[in-house]
C-alpha atoms as a PDB file:
ATOM      1  CA  UNK A   1      -0.110   0.209   0.079  1.00  0.00           C
ATOM      2  CA  UNK A   2       2.922   2.333   0.773  1.00  0.00           C
ATOM      3  CA  UNK A   3       4.515   1.975  -2.261  1.00  0.00           C
ATOM      4  CA  UNK A   4       1.281   2.506  -4.268  1.00  0.00           C
ATOM      5  CA  UNK A   5       0.776   5.975  -2.164  1.00  0.00           C
ATOM      6  CA  UNK A   6       4.907   6.737  -2.843  1.00  0.00           C
ATOM      7  CA  UNK A   7       4.437   5.765  -6.570  1.00  0.00           C
ATOM      8  CA  UNK A   8       1.168   8.549  -7.121  1.00  0.00           C
ATOM      9  CA  UNK A   9       3.062  11.015  -5.127  1.00  0.00           C
ATOM     10  CA  UNK A  10       6.129  10.925  -6.957  1.00  0.00           C
ATOM     11  CA  UNK A  11       4.115  10.805 -10.273  1.00  0.00           C
ATOM     12  CA  UNK A  12       2.499  13.957  -9.204  1.00  0.00           C
ATOM     13  CA  UNK A  13       5.499  16.410  -8.315  1.00  0.00           C
ATOM     14  CA  UNK A  14       6.787  15.582 -11.603  1.00  0.00           C
ATOM     15  CA  UNK A  15       3.489  16.922 -12.622  1.00  0.00           C
ATOM     16  CA  UNK A  16       4.046  19.859 -10.775  1.00  0.00           C
ATOM     17  CA  UNK A  17       7.610  21.042 -12.003  1.00  0.00           C
ATOM     18  CA  UNK A  18       5.920  21.596 -15.816  1.00  0.00           C
ATOM     19  CA  UNK A  19       3.299  24.432 -14.562  1.00  0.00           C
ATOM     20  CA  UNK A  20       4.362  27.880 -14.766  1.00  0.00           C
ATOM     21  CA  UNK A  21       4.184  30.445 -12.554  1.00  0.00           C
ATOM     22  CA  UNK A  22       1.682  31.933 -14.579  1.00  0.00           C
ATOM     23  CA  UNK A  23      -0.778  28.357 -13.674  1.00  0.00           C
ATOM     24  CA  UNK A  24      -0.023  28.509 -10.195  1.00  0.00           C
ATOM     25  CA  UNK A  25      -1.762  31.713  -9.998  1.00  0.00           C
ATOM     26  CA  UNK A  26      -4.452  30.713 -12.125  1.00  0.00           C
ATOM     27  CA  UNK A  27      -5.217  27.511 -10.048  1.00  0.00           C
ATOM     28  CA  UNK A  28      -5.124  29.638  -6.918  1.00  0.00           C
ATOM     29  CA  UNK A  29      -7.929  32.038  -8.280  1.00  0.00           C
ATOM     30  CA  UNK A  30      -9.548  29.529  -9.500  1.00  0.00           C
ATOM     31  CA  UNK A  31      -9.527  28.121  -5.700  1.00  0.00           C
ATOM     32  CA  UNK A  32     -10.562  30.702  -3.777  1.00  0.00           C
ATOM     33  CA  UNK A  33     -13.121  31.184  -6.255  1.00  0.00           C
ATOM     34  CA  UNK A  34     -14.041  27.580  -5.870  1.00  0.00           C
ATOM     35  CA  UNK A  35     -14.062  27.903  -1.530  1.00  0.00           C
ATOM     36  CA  UNK A  36     -16.173  31.387  -1.620  1.00  0.00           C
ATOM     37  CA  UNK A  37     -18.959  29.347  -3.447  1.00  0.00           C
ATOM     38  CA  UNK A  38     -19.118  26.759  -0.536  1.00  0.00           C
ATOM     39  CA  UNK A  39     -22.635  26.715   0.251  1.00  0.00           C
ATOM     40  CA  UNK A  40     -20.797  27.089   4.449  1.00  0.00           C
ATOM     41  CA  UNK A  41     -18.400  29.489   3.807  1.00  0.00           C
ATOM     42  CA  UNK A  42     -19.856  32.455   4.894  1.00  0.00           C
ATOM     43  CA  UNK A  43     -20.914  31.478   8.000  1.00  0.00           C
ATOM     44  CA  UNK A  44     -17.081  29.118   8.754  1.00  0.00           C
ATOM     45  CA  UNK A  45     -14.847  32.438  10.925  1.00  0.00           C
ATOM     46  CA  UNK A  46     -12.079  30.399  12.109  1.00  0.00           C
ATOM     47  CA  UNK A  47     -10.888  28.527   9.128  1.00  0.00           C
ATOM     48  CA  UNK A  48      -7.276  26.000   9.654  1.00  0.00           C
ATOM     49  CA  UNK A  49      -4.746  26.404   6.536  1.00  0.00           C
ATOM     50  CA  UNK A  50      -2.090  25.685   5.927  1.00  0.00           C
ATOM     51  CA  UNK A  51       1.134  27.403   3.810  1.00  0.00           C
ATOM     52  CA  UNK A  52       1.525  26.073   0.897  1.00  0.00           C
ATOM     53  CA  UNK A  53       4.689  24.567  -0.948  1.00  0.00           C
ATOM     54  CA  UNK A  54       6.310  25.015  -4.192  1.00  0.00           C
ATOM     55  CA  UNK A  55       4.159  22.023  -5.251  1.00  0.00           C
ATOM     56  CA  UNK A  56       0.523  23.102  -3.868  1.00  0.00           C
ATOM     57  CA  UNK A  57      -1.748  25.786  -5.122  1.00  0.00           C
ATOM     58  CA  UNK A  58       0.095  28.978  -3.818  1.00  0.00           C
ATOM     59  CA  UNK A  59      -3.770  30.710  -1.941  1.00  0.00           C
ATOM     60  CA  UNK A  60      -1.339  32.618   0.400  1.00  0.00           C
ATOM     61  CA  UNK A  61      -1.803  35.561   0.950  1.00  0.00           C
ATOM     62  CA  UNK A  62      -4.730  36.022  -1.666  1.00  0.00           C
ATOM     63  CA  UNK A  63      -7.011  34.328   0.858  1.00  0.00           C
ATOM     64  CA  UNK A  64      -6.510  36.586   3.497  1.00  0.00           C
ATOM     65  CA  UNK A  65      -6.801  39.273   1.571  1.00  0.00           C
ATOM     66  CA  UNK A  66     -10.201  38.491  -0.227  1.00  0.00           C
ATOM     67  CA  UNK A  67     -11.812  36.820   2.947  1.00  0.00           C
ATOM     68  CA  UNK A  68     -10.164  39.586   5.957  1.00  0.00           C
ATOM     69  CA  UNK A  69     -13.063  39.109   7.731  1.00  0.00           C
ATOM     70  CA  UNK A  70     -12.101  35.510   8.852  1.00  0.00           C
ATOM     71  CA  UNK A  71      -9.317  34.914  11.508  1.00  0.00           C
ATOM     72  CA  UNK A  72      -6.107  31.982   9.497  1.00  0.00           C
ATOM     73  CA  UNK A  73      -4.731  29.796  11.455  1.00  0.00           C
ATOM     74  CA  UNK A  74      -1.497  28.218  10.858  1.00  0.00           C
ATOM     75  CA  UNK A  75       0.187  24.811  12.194  1.00  0.00           C
ATOM     76  CA  UNK A  76       3.056  24.563  13.793  1.00  0.00           C
ATOM     77  CA  UNK A  77       4.918  21.007  14.455  1.00  0.00           C
ATOM     78  CA  UNK A  78       7.059  19.719  17.452  1.00  0.00           C
ATOM     79  CA  UNK A  79       5.817  16.110  18.244  1.00  0.00           C
ATOM     80  CA  UNK A  80       2.082  16.686  17.086  1.00  0.00           C
ATOM     81  CA  UNK A  81       0.197  19.307  14.843  1.00  0.00           C
ATOM     82  CA  UNK A  82      -0.955  22.596  16.778  1.00  0.00           C
ATOM     83  CA  UNK A  83      -2.274  25.719  15.321  1.00  0.00           C
ATOM     84  CA  UNK A  84      -1.551  29.414  16.031  1.00  0.00           C
ATOM     85  CA  UNK A  85      -3.244  32.494  14.160  1.00  0.00           C
ATOM     86  CA  UNK A  86      -1.438  33.599  12.172  1.00  0.00           C
ATOM     87  CA  UNK A  87      -2.648  37.803  11.113  1.00  0.00           C
ATOM     88  CA  UNK A  88      -0.624  38.484   8.750  1.00  0.00           C
ATOM     89  CA  UNK A  89       2.476  36.457   6.849  1.00  0.00           C
ATOM     90  CA  UNK A  90       5.147  38.533   9.256  1.00  0.00           C
ATOM     91  CA  UNK A  91       3.745  36.090  11.783  1.00  0.00           C
ATOM     92  CA  UNK A  92       5.093  33.314   9.861  1.00  0.00           C
ATOM     93  CA  UNK A  93       8.676  31.853   9.764  1.00  0.00           C
ATOM     94  CA  UNK A  94      10.914  29.737   7.604  1.00  0.00           C
ATOM     95  CA  UNK A  95      10.932  26.252   9.652  1.00  0.00           C
ATOM     96  CA  UNK A  96      12.186  22.446   9.168  1.00  0.00           C
ATOM     97  CA  UNK A  97      13.180  21.938   5.567  1.00  0.00           C
ATOM     98  CA  UNK A  98      12.075  25.686   4.444  1.00  0.00           C
ATOM     99  CA  UNK A  99       8.338  25.074   5.786  1.00  0.00           C
ATOM    100  CA  UNK A 100       6.231  27.944   6.831  1.00  0.00           C
ATOM    101  CA  UNK A 101       5.541  27.933  10.325  1.00  0.00           C
ATOM    102  CA  UNK A 102       3.989  30.281  12.893  1.00  0.00           C
ATOM    103  CA  UNK A 103       6.930  32.414  15.226  1.00  0.00           C
ATOM    104  CA  UNK A 104       6.604  31.910  19.145  1.00  0.00           C
ATOM    105  CA  UNK A 105       4.213  33.474  21.488  1.00  0.00           C
ATOM    106  CA  UNK A 106       1.084  33.280  19.107  1.00  0.00           C
ATOM    107  CA  UNK A 107      -2.928  32.696  20.084  1.00  0.00           C
ATOM    108  CA  UNK A 108      -3.034  28.976  19.828  1.00  0.00           C
ATOM    109  CA  UNK A 109      -6.544  27.934  18.459  1.00  0.00           C
ATOM    110  CA  UNK A 110      -8.675  27.550  20.539  1.00  0.00           C
ATOM    111  CA  UNK A 111     -10.420  23.876  18.454  1.00  0.00           C
ATOM    112  CA  UNK A 112     -13.778  24.008  19.621  1.00  0.00           C
ATOM    113  CA  UNK A 113     -13.769  27.143  17.517  1.00  0.00           C
ATOM    114  CA  UNK A 114     -12.187  26.010  14.407  1.00  0.00           C
ATOM    115  CA  UNK A 115     -15.233  25.895  11.737  1.00  0.00           C
ATOM    116  CA  UNK A 116     -13.825  24.514   8.734  1.00  0.00           C
ATOM    117  CA  UNK A 117     -10.452  23.026   7.623  1.00  0.00           C
ATOM    118  CA  UNK A 118      -8.131  23.391   4.182  1.00  0.00           C
ATOM    119  CA  UNK A 119      -6.060  20.745   4.351  1.00  0.00           C
ATOM    120  CA  UNK A 120      -3.225  19.731   1.739  1.00  0.00           C
ATOM    121  CA  UNK A 121      -3.089  17.442  -0.379  1.00  0.00           C
ATOM    122  CA  UNK A 122      -1.119  15.886  -3.411  1.00  0.00           C
ATOM    123  CA  UNK A 123      -3.648  13.588  -4.536  1.00  0.00           C
ATOM    124  CA  UNK A 124      -7.396  13.430  -4.127  1.00  0.00           C
ATOM    125  CA  UNK A 125      -9.873  10.714  -4.474  1.00  0.00           C
ATOM    126  CA  UNK A 126     -13.582  12.473  -6.130  1.00  0.00           C
ATOM    127  CA  UNK A 127     -15.049  10.008  -2.730  1.00  0.00           C
ATOM    128  CA  UNK A 128     -12.713  12.660  -0.241  1.00  0.00           C
ATOM    129  CA  UNK A 129      -9.549  10.458  -0.517  1.00  0.00           C
ATOM    130  CA  UNK A 130      -6.928  12.510   0.755  1.00  0.00           C
ATOM    131  CA  UNK A 131      -3.536  11.477  -0.650  1.00  0.00           C
ATOM    132  CA  UNK A 132      -0.765  13.780   1.783  1.00  0.00           C
ATOM    133  CA  UNK A 133       3.010  13.361   1.448  1.00  0.00           C
ATOM    134  CA  UNK A 134       3.411  10.050   4.077  1.00  0.00           C
ATOM    135  CA  UNK A 135       3.455  11.839   7.597  1.00  0.00           C
ATOM    136  CA  UNK A 136       0.006  11.505   9.225  1.00  0.00           C
ATOM    137  CA  UNK A 137       0.133  14.883  11.234  1.00  0.00           C
ATOM    138  CA  UNK A 138      -3.180  15.228   9.101  1.00  0.00           C
ATOM    139  CA  UNK A 139      -4.784  11.999   9.719  1.00  0.00           C
ATOM    140  CA  UNK A 140      -4.153  12.335  13.345  1.00  0.00           C
ATOM    141  CA  UNK A 141      -5.336  15.875  13.921  1.00  0.00           C
ATOM    142  CA  UNK A 142      -8.037  15.542  12.339  1.00  0.00           C
ATOM    143  CA  UNK A 143      -9.470  12.068  13.795  1.00  0.00           C
ATOM    144  CA  UNK A 144      -9.229  14.063  17.266  1.00  0.00           C
ATOM    145  CA  UNK A 145     -11.806  17.410  16.099  1.00  0.00           C
ATOM    146  CA  UNK A 146     -13.987  15.203  13.252  1.00  0.00           C
ATOM    147  CA  UNK A 147     -16.509  17.652  13.282  1.00  0.00           C
ATOM    148  CA  UNK A 148     -14.695  20.433  12.027  1.00  0.00           C
ATOM    149  CA  UNK A 149     -15.378  20.426   8.372  1.00  0.00           C
ATOM    150  CA  UNK A 150     -12.670  19.929   5.469  1.00  0.00           C
ATOM    151  CA  UNK A 151     -12.103  20.775   1.736  1.00  0.00           C
ATOM    152  CA  UNK A 152      -8.437  20.151  -0.784  1.00  0.00           C
ATOM    153  CA  UNK A 153      -8.155  21.137  -4.125  1.00  0.00           C
ATOM    154  CA  UNK A 154      -5.953  20.020  -6.496  1.00  0.00           C
ATOM    155  CA  UNK A 155      -5.579  20.787 -10.220  1.00  0.00           C
ATOM    156  CA  UNK A 156      -7.072  17.718 -11.938  1.00  0.00           C
ATOM    157  CA  UNK A 157      -3.727  15.785 -13.411  1.00  0.00           C
ATOM    158  CA  UNK A 158      -4.098  14.893  -9.198  1.00  0.00           C
ATOM    159  CA  UNK A 159      -7.745  13.875  -9.040  1.00  0.00           C
ATOM    160  CA  UNK A 160      -8.290  10.187  -9.015  1.00  0.00           C
ATOM    161  CA  UNK A 161     -11.858   7.941  -9.036  1.00  0.00           C
ATOM    162  CA  UNK A 162     -10.763   6.716  -5.981  1.00  0.00           C
ATOM    163  CA  UNK A 163      -6.884   6.798  -4.155  1.00  0.00           C
ATOM    164  CA  UNK A 164      -5.317   3.878  -2.412  1.00  0.00           C
ATOM    165  CA  UNK A 165      -6.449   4.082   1.669  1.00  0.00           C
ATOM    166  CA  UNK A 166      -5.921   2.663   4.833  1.00  0.00           C
ATOM    167  CA  UNK A 167      -7.740   2.522   7.576  1.00  0.00           C
ATOM    168  CA  UNK A 168      -6.466   5.735   9.736  1.00  0.00           C
ATOM    169  CA  UNK A 169      -6.562   8.108   6.554  1.00  0.00           C
ATOM    170  CA  UNK A 170      -9.202  10.957   6.725  1.00  0.00           C
ATOM    171  CA  UNK A 171     -11.946  11.596   3.834  1.00  0.00           C
ATOM    172  CA  UNK A 172     -12.395  15.477   3.168  1.00  0.00           C
ATOM    173  CA  UNK A 173     -15.834  16.184   3.247  1.00  0.00           C
ATOM    174  CA  UNK A 174     -15.322  19.290  -0.170  1.00  0.00           C
ATOM    175  CA  UNK A 175     -13.376  17.694  -2.742  1.00  0.00           C
ATOM    176  CA  UNK A 176     -12.763  21.248  -5.034  1.00  0.00           C
ATOM    177  CA  UNK A 177     -11.291  20.264  -8.336  1.00  0.00           C
ATOM    178  CA  UNK A 178      -9.876  22.497 -11.201  1.00  0.00           C
ATOM    179  CA  UNK A 179     -12.706  24.396 -12.954  1.00  0.00           C
END
């Protein structure tokens, strides 16, 4: 199972390398439009997000600019993943492996207030299966908070009819795809 998942990750990574910055920005614009069109988007106020890596859709800081009334929380990973309120990009610093994480001394999320999570995905299945990077941080986190609604967005080349899953894998509520 793990080798099958890794083959998919490797194939998707090669496709990301072929995208231009203009194509990535177009994907980000498309993603923001789809988020805005979610039936519950207007009522979500406390949102978990992540800072996109080079092989992910570059939606930040446009997300914050478009929805300044919302509160965005970014993950910091030590032994486990915890989220902290980020008010602007100055609250983020490059940490392990170049991943942008919240600086120290920010307010940790009150998880009972979190409405929604935008979850990173290498690939998605049309029925909500999510393939992440393989460390399981989001799967473990989301298993603890099943009431938080989730969405992920991938380009069409990372969308599959179905994906291999394991018992611990958490499904996504809304699969957002390129249109």
